[in-house]
Amino acid sequence: MHATTEGEPEWRRVRVWFGEFAIADSTCVSDLADKLEALHRQRFARLLITNEPVTPPD
């Protein structure tokens, strides 16, 4: 798992894009985000999948 300098886990936002519209949007810790991205790439092979860092939820 990726961690920030304080030892907290890194949070990521994974989205599936259909043109300019996000049809799936999830925010989770980096390990889960990597798995989710891989699953989305299998399911939505022709769509754009993004996995970006975000600030942790409160």
PDB file of N, CA and C in Angstrom:
ATOM      1  N   MET A   1       0.832  -1.175   0.000  1.00  0.00           N
ATOM      2  CA  MET A   1       0.000   0.000   0.000  1.00  0.00           C
ATOM      3  C   MET A   1       0.874   1.234   0.000  1.00  0.00           C
ATOM      4  N   HIS A   2       0.487   2.210  -0.773  1.00  0.00           N
ATOM      5  CA  HIS A   2       1.187   3.483  -0.778  1.00  0.00           C
ATOM      6  C   HIS A   2       0.805   4.244   0.479  1.00  0.00           C
ATOM      7  N   ALA A   3       1.716   5.007   1.024  1.00  0.00           N
ATOM      8  CA  ALA A   3       1.409   5.769   2.238  1.00  0.00           C
ATOM      9  C   ALA A   3       1.919   7.195   2.092  1.00  0.00           C
ATOM     10  N   THR A   4       1.245   8.092   2.773  1.00  0.00           N
ATOM     11  CA  THR A   4       1.692   9.471   2.787  1.00  0.00           C
ATOM     12  C   THR A   4       2.820   9.613   3.797  1.00  0.00           C
ATOM     13  N   THR A   5       3.382  10.807   3.930  1.00  0.00           N
ATOM     14  CA  THR A   5       4.508  11.007   4.841  1.00  0.00           C
ATOM     15  C   THR A   5       4.109  10.803   6.293  1.00  0.00           C
ATOM     16  N   GLU A   6       2.829  10.956   6.624  1.00  0.00           N
ATOM     17  CA  GLU A   6       2.375  10.770   8.008  1.00  0.00           C
ATOM     18  C   GLU A   6       2.050   9.311   8.317  1.00  0.00           C
ATOM     19  N   GLY A   7       2.199   8.417   7.350  1.00  0.00           N
ATOM     20  CA  GLY A   7       1.886   7.014   7.563  1.00  0.00           C
ATOM     21  C   GLY A   7       0.441   6.670   7.250  1.00  0.00           C
ATOM     22  N   GLU A   8      -0.342   7.642   6.847  1.00  0.00           N
ATOM     23  CA  GLU A   8      -1.727   7.398   6.463  1.00  0.00           C
ATOM     24  C   GLU A   8      -1.763   6.808   5.052  1.00  0.00           C
ATOM     25  N   PRO A   9      -2.759   5.980   4.749  1.00  0.00           N
ATOM     26  CA  PRO A   9      -2.834   5.416   3.392  1.00  0.00           C
ATOM     27  C   PRO A   9      -3.161   6.493   2.360  1.00  0.00           C
ATOM     28  N   GLU A  10      -2.691   6.286   1.152  1.00  0.00           N
ATOM     29  CA  GLU A  10      -2.985   7.205   0.053  1.00  0.00           C
ATOM     30  C   GLU A  10      -4.372   6.890  -0.501  1.00  0.00           C
ATOM     31  N   TRP A  11      -5.173   7.902  -0.734  1.00  0.00           N
ATOM     32  CA  TRP A  11      -6.509   7.750  -1.294  1.00  0.00           C
ATOM     33  C   TRP A  11      -6.466   8.055  -2.780  1.00  0.00           C
ATOM     34  N   ARG A  12      -7.241   7.286  -3.559  1.00  0.00           N
ATOM     35  CA  ARG A  12      -7.278   7.417  -5.015  1.00  0.00           C
ATOM     36  C   ARG A  12      -8.732   7.495  -5.475  1.00  0.00           C
ATOM     37  N   ARG A  13      -8.925   8.125  -6.623  1.00  0.00           N
ATOM     38  CA  ARG A  13     -10.250   8.212  -7.243  1.00  0.00           C
ATOM     39  C   ARG A  13     -10.179   7.499  -8.579  1.00  0.00           C
ATOM     40  N   VAL A  14     -10.989   6.452  -8.723  1.00  0.00           N
ATOM     41  CA  VAL A  14     -11.034   5.654  -9.948  1.00  0.00           C
ATOM     42  C   VAL A  14     -12.342   5.968 -10.664  1.00  0.00           C
ATOM     43  N   ARG A  15     -12.216   6.352 -11.944  1.00  0.00           N
ATOM     44  CA  ARG A  15     -13.412   6.679 -12.727  1.00  0.00           C
ATOM     45  C   ARG A  15     -13.379   5.984 -14.082  1.00  0.00           C
ATOM     46  N   VAL A  16     -14.570   5.643 -14.565  1.00  0.00           N
ATOM     47  CA  VAL A  16     -14.761   5.092 -15.904  1.00  0.00           C
ATOM     48  C   VAL A  16     -15.482   6.167 -16.703  1.00  0.00           C
ATOM     49  N   TRP A  17     -14.912   6.510 -17.863  1.00  0.00           N
ATOM     50  CA  TRP A  17     -15.436   7.602 -18.677  1.00  0.00           C
ATOM     51  C   TRP A  17     -16.060   7.073 -19.960  1.00  0.00           C
ATOM     52  N   PHE A  18     -17.262   7.571 -20.251  1.00  0.00           N
ATOM     53  CA  PHE A  18     -17.930   7.332 -21.527  1.00  0.00           C
ATOM     54  C   PHE A  18     -18.019   8.698 -22.190  1.00  0.00           C
ATOM     55  N   GLY A  19     -17.028   8.981 -23.033  1.00  0.00           N
ATOM     56  CA  GLY A  19     -16.916  10.322 -23.590  1.00  0.00           C
ATOM     57  C   GLY A  19     -16.560  11.308 -22.492  1.00  0.00           C
ATOM     58  N   GLU A  20     -17.391  12.325 -22.300  1.00  0.00           N
ATOM     59  CA  GLU A  20     -17.132  13.329 -21.262  1.00  0.00           C
ATOM     60  C   GLU A  20     -17.864  13.021 -19.956  1.00  0.00           C
ATOM     61  N   PHE A  21     -18.561  11.880 -19.897  1.00  0.00           N
ATOM     62  CA  PHE A  21     -19.357  11.536 -18.723  1.00  0.00           C
ATOM     63  C   PHE A  21     -18.711  10.414 -17.915  1.00  0.00           C
ATOM     64  N   ALA A  22     -18.576  10.626 -16.603  1.00  0.00           N
ATOM     65  CA  ALA A  22     -18.084   9.566 -15.718  1.00  0.00           C
ATOM     66  C   ALA A  22     -19.267   8.653 -15.393  1.00  0.00           C
ATOM     67  N   ILE A  23     -19.181   7.387 -15.804  1.00  0.00           N
ATOM     68  CA  ILE A  23     -20.281   6.455 -15.557  1.00  0.00           C
ATOM     69  C   ILE A  23     -20.049   5.609 -14.310  1.00  0.00           C
ATOM     70  N   ALA A  24     -18.847   5.661 -13.762  1.00  0.00           N
ATOM     71  CA  ALA A  24     -18.521   5.009 -12.489  1.00  0.00           C
ATOM     72  C   ALA A  24     -17.485   5.879 -11.800  1.00  0.00           C
ATOM     73  N   ASP A  25     -17.638   6.052 -10.491  1.00  0.00           N
ATOM     74  CA  ASP A  25     -16.755   6.948  -9.745  1.00  0.00           C
ATOM     75  C   ASP A  25     -16.597   6.391  -8.330  1.00  0.00           C
ATOM     76  N   SER A  26     -15.382   6.004  -7.966  1.00  0.00           N
ATOM     77  CA  SER A  26     -15.117   5.430  -6.644  1.00  0.00           C
ATOM     78  C   SER A  26     -13.885   6.078  -6.029  1.00  0.00           C
ATOM     79  N   THR A  27     -13.939   6.321  -4.726  1.00  0.00           N
ATOM     80  CA  THR A  27     -12.794   6.821  -3.969  1.00  0.00           C
ATOM     81  C   THR A  27     -12.444   5.782  -2.918  1.00  0.00           C
ATOM     82  N   CYS A  28     -11.186   5.316  -2.917  1.00  0.00           N
ATOM     83  CA  CYS A  28     -10.772   4.277  -1.984  1.00  0.00           C
ATOM     84  C   CYS A  28      -9.260   4.348  -1.778  1.00  0.00           C
ATOM     85  N   VAL A  29      -8.737   3.518  -0.861  1.00  0.00           N
ATOM     86  CA  VAL A  29      -7.295   3.485  -0.618  1.00  0.00           C
ATOM     87  C   VAL A  29      -6.588   2.880  -1.832  1.00  0.00           C
ATOM     88  N   SER A  30      -5.319   3.174  -1.970  1.00  0.00           N
ATOM     89  CA  SER A  30      -4.580   2.863  -3.199  1.00  0.00           C
ATOM     90  C   SER A  30      -4.564   1.384  -3.574  1.00  0.00           C
ATOM     91  N   ASP A  31      -4.433   0.475  -2.613  1.00  0.00           N
ATOM     92  CA  ASP A  31      -4.408  -0.953  -2.949  1.00  0.00           C
ATOM     93  C   ASP A  31      -5.718  -1.388  -3.587  1.00  0.00           C
ATOM     94  N   LEU A  32      -6.818  -0.971  -2.987  1.00  0.00           N
ATOM     95  CA  LEU A  32      -8.130  -1.305  -3.528  1.00  0.00           C
ATOM     96  C   LEU A  32      -8.348  -0.600  -4.861  1.00  0.00           C
ATOM     97  N   ALA A  33      -7.871   0.620  -4.976  1.00  0.00           N
ATOM     98  CA  ALA A  33      -8.013   1.374  -6.226  1.00  0.00           C
ATOM     99  C   ALA A  33      -7.294   0.668  -7.374  1.00  0.00           C
ATOM    100  N   ASP A  34      -6.123   0.112  -7.121  1.00  0.00           N
ATOM    101  CA  ASP A  34      -5.389  -0.621  -8.162  1.00  0.00           C
ATOM    102  C   ASP A  34      -6.183  -1.838  -8.636  1.00  0.00           C
ATOM    103  N   LYS A  35      -6.788  -2.568  -7.700  1.00  0.00           N
ATOM    104  CA  LYS A  35      -7.600  -3.738  -8.053  1.00  0.00           C
ATOM    105  C   LYS A  35      -8.857  -3.321  -8.801  1.00  0.00           C
ATOM    106  N   LEU A  36      -9.497  -2.245  -8.335  1.00  0.00           N
ATOM    107  CA  LEU A  36     -10.700  -1.751  -8.982  1.00  0.00           C
ATOM    108  C   LEU A  36     -10.404  -1.286 -10.404  1.00  0.00           C
ATOM    109  N   GLU A  37      -9.288  -0.605 -10.575  1.00  0.00           N
ATOM    110  CA  GLU A  37      -8.892  -0.160 -11.909  1.00  0.00           C
ATOM    111  C   GLU A  37      -8.707  -1.354 -12.841  1.00  0.00           C
ATOM    112  N   ALA A  38      -8.045  -2.396 -12.370  1.00  0.00           N
ATOM    113  CA  ALA A  38      -7.826  -3.589 -13.189  1.00  0.00           C
ATOM    114  C   ALA A  38      -9.150  -4.252 -13.571  1.00  0.00           C
ATOM    115  N   LEU A  39     -10.076  -4.319 -12.627  1.00  0.00           N
ATOM    116  CA  LEU A  39     -11.387  -4.904 -12.920  1.00  0.00           C
ATOM    117  C   LEU A  39     -12.154  -4.057 -13.938  1.00  0.00           C
ATOM    118  N   HIS A  40     -12.116  -2.748 -13.766  1.00  0.00           N
ATOM    119  CA  HIS A  40     -12.795  -1.867 -14.714  1.00  0.00           C
ATOM    120  C   HIS A  40     -12.173  -1.992 -16.107  1.00  0.00           C
ATOM    121  N   ARG A  41     -10.859  -2.144 -16.185  1.00  0.00           N
ATOM    122  CA  ARG A  41     -10.199  -2.278 -17.494  1.00  0.00           C
ATOM    123  C   ARG A  41     -10.636  -3.564 -18.199  1.00  0.00           C
ATOM    124  N   GLN A  42     -10.896  -4.620 -17.429  1.00  0.00           N
ATOM    125  CA  GLN A  42     -11.394  -5.861 -18.021  1.00  0.00           C
ATOM    126  C   GLN A  42     -12.828  -5.692 -18.507  1.00  0.00           C
ATOM    127  N   ARG A  43     -13.646  -5.062 -17.676  1.00  0.00           N
ATOM    128  CA  ARG A  43     -15.074  -4.927 -17.986  1.00  0.00           C
ATOM    129  C   ARG A  43     -15.340  -3.875 -19.061  1.00  0.00           C
ATOM    130  N   PHE A  44     -14.633  -2.768 -19.004  1.00  0.00           N
ATOM    131  CA  PHE A  44     -14.853  -1.647 -19.919  1.00  0.00           C
ATOM    132  C   PHE A  44     -13.599  -1.420 -20.768  1.00  0.00           C
ATOM    133  N   ALA A  45     -13.230  -2.413 -21.547  1.00  0.00           N
ATOM    134  CA  ALA A  45     -11.956  -2.412 -22.270  1.00  0.00           C
ATOM    135  C   ALA A  45     -11.783  -1.227 -23.209  1.00  0.00           C
ATOM    136  N   ARG A  46     -12.848  -0.704 -23.766  1.00  0.00           N
ATOM    137  CA  ARG A  46     -12.720   0.372 -24.762  1.00  0.00           C
ATOM    138  C   ARG A  46     -12.945   1.759 -24.176  1.00  0.00           C
ATOM    139  N   LEU A  47     -13.223   1.842 -22.885  1.00  0.00           N
ATOM    140  CA  LEU A  47     -13.465   3.144 -22.267  1.00  0.00           C
ATOM    141  C   LEU A  47     -12.231   3.622 -21.516  1.00  0.00           C
ATOM    142  N   LEU A  48     -12.162   4.920 -21.288  1.00  0.00           N
ATOM    143  CA  LEU A  48     -11.060   5.509 -20.537  1.00  0.00           C
ATOM    144  C   LEU A  48     -11.265   5.247 -19.047  1.00  0.00           C
ATOM    145  N   ILE A  49     -10.228   4.749 -18.381  1.00  0.00           N
ATOM    146  CA  ILE A  49     -10.245   4.521 -16.933  1.00  0.00           C
ATOM    147  C   ILE A  49      -9.168   5.418 -16.338  1.00  0.00           C
ATOM    148  N   THR A  50      -9.525   6.227 -15.327  1.00  0.00           N
ATOM    149  CA  THR A  50      -8.538   7.070 -14.662  1.00  0.00           C
ATOM    150  C   THR A  50      -8.405   6.657 -13.202  1.00  0.00           C
ATOM    151  N   ASN A  51      -7.198   6.819 -12.669  1.00  0.00           N
ATOM    152  CA  ASN A  51      -6.885   6.496 -11.274  1.00  0.00           C
ATOM    153  C   ASN A  51      -6.003   7.633 -10.767  1.00  0.00           C
ATOM    154  N   GLU A  52      -6.613   8.571 -10.027  1.00  0.00           N
ATOM    155  CA  GLU A  52      -5.923   9.795  -9.631  1.00  0.00           C
ATOM    156  C   GLU A  52      -5.857   9.937  -8.109  1.00  0.00           C
ATOM    157  N   PRO A  53      -4.814  10.568  -7.589  1.00  0.00           N
ATOM    158  CA  PRO A  53      -4.743  10.822  -6.140  1.00  0.00           C
ATOM    159  C   PRO A  53      -5.763  11.877  -5.715  1.00  0.00           C
ATOM    160  N   VAL A  54      -6.318  11.712  -4.522  1.00  0.00           N
ATOM    161  CA  VAL A  54      -7.245  12.686  -3.947  1.00  0.00           C
ATOM    162  C   VAL A  54      -6.904  12.890  -2.473  1.00  0.00           C
ATOM    163  N   THR A  55      -7.457  13.929  -1.884  1.00  0.00           N
ATOM    164  CA  THR A  55      -7.269  14.144  -0.449  1.00  0.00           C
ATOM    165  C   THR A  55      -8.151  13.151   0.315  1.00  0.00           C
ATOM    166  N   PRO A  56      -7.722  12.689   1.473  1.00  0.00           N
ATOM    167  CA  PRO A  56      -8.505  11.726   2.243  1.00  0.00           C
ATOM    168  C   PRO A  56      -9.844  12.304   2.677  1.00  0.00           C
ATOM    169  N   PRO A  57     -10.878  11.455   2.736  1.00  0.00           N
ATOM    170  CA  PRO A  57     -12.162  11.945   3.219  1.00  0.00           C
ATOM    171  C   PRO A  57     -12.094  12.254   4.709  1.00  0.00           C
ATOM    172  N   ASP A  58     -12.976  13.098   5.171  1.00  0.00           N
ATOM    173  CA  ASP A  58     -12.994  13.467   6.603  1.00  0.00           C
ATOM    174  C   ASP A  58     -13.553  12.391   7.477  1.00  0.00           C
TER     175      ASP A  58
END
